[in-house]
Amino acid sequence: MVDPTSDLGEDVDDEDLPSCETCGDSVAGPERRVVTRIEDGRVRHWNFCDDACRDEWLDAESNAER
């Protein structure tokens, strides 16, 4: 599979792709979403297979901050 998020158009094996933070499925495909934040001076990335999983994770994050 060619990783659509790669500037280099690299081939990436499916087993090397990250898993969705919410459901654990592969994040392969055009519905992939990524949340990026800076925490303690470091860049953190969370990968999601689609909008629904990202939104579920964001809701849980905002509830945890309360």
Protein backbone atom coordinates (compact mmCIF):
# COMPACT_ATOMS: atom_id res chain seq x y z
CA MET A 1 0.00 0.00 0.00
CA VAL A 2 1.24 3.50 -0.75
CA ASP A 3 0.82 5.68 2.34
CA PRO A 4 -1.24 8.70 1.20
CA THR A 5 0.11 10.76 4.10
CA SER A 6 3.72 10.30 3.02
CA ASP A 7 5.39 13.10 1.06
CA LEU A 8 7.64 10.44 -0.42
CA GLY A 9 4.86 8.11 -1.60
CA GLU A 10 6.47 5.24 0.30
CA ASP A 11 5.10 1.73 0.23
CA VAL A 12 3.99 0.63 3.70
CA ASP A 13 3.02 -2.91 4.63
CA ASP A 14 -0.41 -3.17 6.27
CA GLU A 15 1.10 -4.76 9.38
CA ASP A 16 3.39 -1.72 9.79
CA LEU A 17 0.50 0.75 9.86
CA PRO A 18 -0.55 2.18 13.21
CA SER A 19 -3.73 0.99 14.88
CA CYS A 20 -6.75 3.13 15.66
CA GLU A 21 -6.56 4.55 19.20
CA THR A 22 -10.27 3.85 19.70
CA CYS A 23 -11.10 0.50 18.10
CA GLY A 24 -7.68 -1.00 17.32
CA ASP A 25 -8.35 -1.48 13.59
CA SER A 26 -5.74 -0.57 10.98
CA VAL A 27 -5.74 3.06 9.92
CA ALA A 28 -5.31 2.15 6.24
CA GLY A 29 -7.54 3.97 3.80
CA PRO A 30 -8.73 7.41 2.88
CA GLU A 31 -10.80 7.83 6.06
CA ARG A 32 -7.66 7.90 8.23
CA ARG A 33 -7.52 10.77 10.71
CA VAL A 34 -4.66 11.98 12.90
CA VAL A 35 -4.71 14.25 15.95
CA THR A 36 -1.41 16.00 16.66
CA ARG A 37 -0.58 17.94 19.83
CA ILE A 38 2.46 19.37 21.54
CA GLU A 39 2.80 18.04 25.09
CA ASP A 40 5.72 18.91 27.33
CA GLY A 41 7.64 20.19 24.32
CA ARG A 42 7.19 16.97 22.35
CA VAL A 43 4.98 16.24 19.36
CA ARG A 44 2.39 13.49 19.93
CA HIS A 45 0.26 11.81 17.26
CA TRP A 46 -2.88 9.70 17.68
CA ASN A 47 -4.17 7.74 14.69
CA PHE A 48 -7.81 6.89 13.94
CA CYS A 49 -9.48 4.81 11.24
CA ASP A 50 -12.29 7.34 10.66
CA ASP A 51 -14.08 10.46 11.93
CA ALA A 52 -16.34 8.52 14.30
CA CYS A 53 -13.41 6.95 16.19
CA ARG A 54 -11.57 10.28 16.33
CA ASP A 55 -14.68 12.03 17.65
CA GLU A 56 -15.22 9.33 20.28
CA TRP A 57 -11.61 9.73 21.44
CA LEU A 58 -11.88 13.55 21.49
CA ASP A 59 -15.09 13.34 23.57
CA ALA A 60 -13.40 11.01 26.07
CA GLU A 61 -10.37 13.35 26.24
CA SER A 62 -12.51 16.42 26.92
CA ASN A 63 -14.48 14.54 29.62
CA ALA A 64 -11.24 13.42 31.28
CA GLU A 65 -10.03 17.05 31.47
CA ARG A 66 -13.09 18.12 33.48
